[in-house]
Amino acid sequence: MAKLKLKSKKKKDVIDNIKGFLNDRTEKNTEIITKFKKYLSHEVKPLDNSIDGD
């Protein structure tokens, strides 16, 4: 029974660590997405791929 409680505590600690990591990671992803939105919001000139043969 004691081993079961120890495993449960250890398992809870591992789960808490994973949750913390994922929460931190989400914030970083949000920062990256914000940077890309800012980058993509600038007006981009279309490329002129036409070839004038005249």
Protein backbone atom coordinates (compact mmCIF):
# COMPACT_ATOMS: atom_id res chain seq x y z
CA MET A 1 0.00 0.00 0.00
CA ALA A 2 2.85 2.40 0.79
CA LYS A 3 4.40 1.80 -2.64
CA LEU A 4 1.07 2.59 -4.29
CA LYS A 5 0.87 5.93 -2.44
CA LEU A 6 4.49 6.73 -3.36
CA LYS A 7 3.83 5.97 -7.02
CA SER A 8 0.67 8.07 -6.94
CA LYS A 9 2.58 11.03 -5.42
CA LYS A 10 5.40 10.61 -7.93
CA LYS A 11 2.89 10.31 -10.77
CA LYS A 12 1.12 13.47 -9.59
CA ASP A 13 4.46 15.33 -9.44
CA VAL A 14 5.32 14.24 -12.98
CA ILE A 15 1.90 15.29 -14.26
CA ASP A 16 2.24 18.66 -12.52
CA ASN A 17 5.67 19.15 -14.10
CA ILE A 18 4.27 18.34 -17.55
CA LYS A 19 1.35 20.72 -17.06
CA GLY A 20 3.74 23.47 -16.03
CA PHE A 21 5.92 22.84 -19.06
CA LEU A 22 2.95 22.91 -21.41
CA ASN A 23 1.66 26.13 -19.88
CA ASP A 24 5.04 27.79 -20.38
CA ARG A 25 5.24 26.45 -23.92
CA THR A 26 1.81 27.86 -24.81
CA GLU A 27 2.96 31.32 -23.79
CA LYS A 28 6.02 31.01 -25.99
CA ASN A 29 3.88 29.81 -28.90
CA THR A 30 1.60 32.80 -28.42
CA GLU A 31 4.59 35.13 -28.64
CA ILE A 32 5.75 33.46 -31.85
CA ILE A 33 2.26 33.64 -33.37
CA THR A 34 2.03 37.33 -32.44
CA LYS A 35 5.37 38.01 -34.14
CA PHE A 36 4.25 36.20 -37.31
CA LYS A 37 0.93 38.06 -37.36
CA LYS A 38 2.82 41.34 -37.07
CA TYR A 39 5.20 40.27 -39.84
CA LEU A 40 2.39 39.09 -42.11
CA SER A 41 0.25 42.17 -41.46
CA HIS A 42 2.68 44.38 -43.38
CA GLU A 43 1.62 44.96 -46.96
CA VAL A 44 3.54 42.64 -49.22
CA LYS A 45 4.10 43.60 -52.83
CA PRO A 46 3.28 40.77 -55.23
CA LEU A 47 6.16 39.41 -57.25
CA ASP A 48 6.11 40.26 -60.92
CA ASN A 49 7.00 37.01 -62.62
CA SER A 50 5.96 38.13 -66.07
CA ILE A 51 8.56 38.17 -68.81
CA ASP A 52 8.31 41.02 -71.27
CA GLY A 53 9.36 39.62 -74.62
CA ASP A 54 8.32 42.69 -76.55
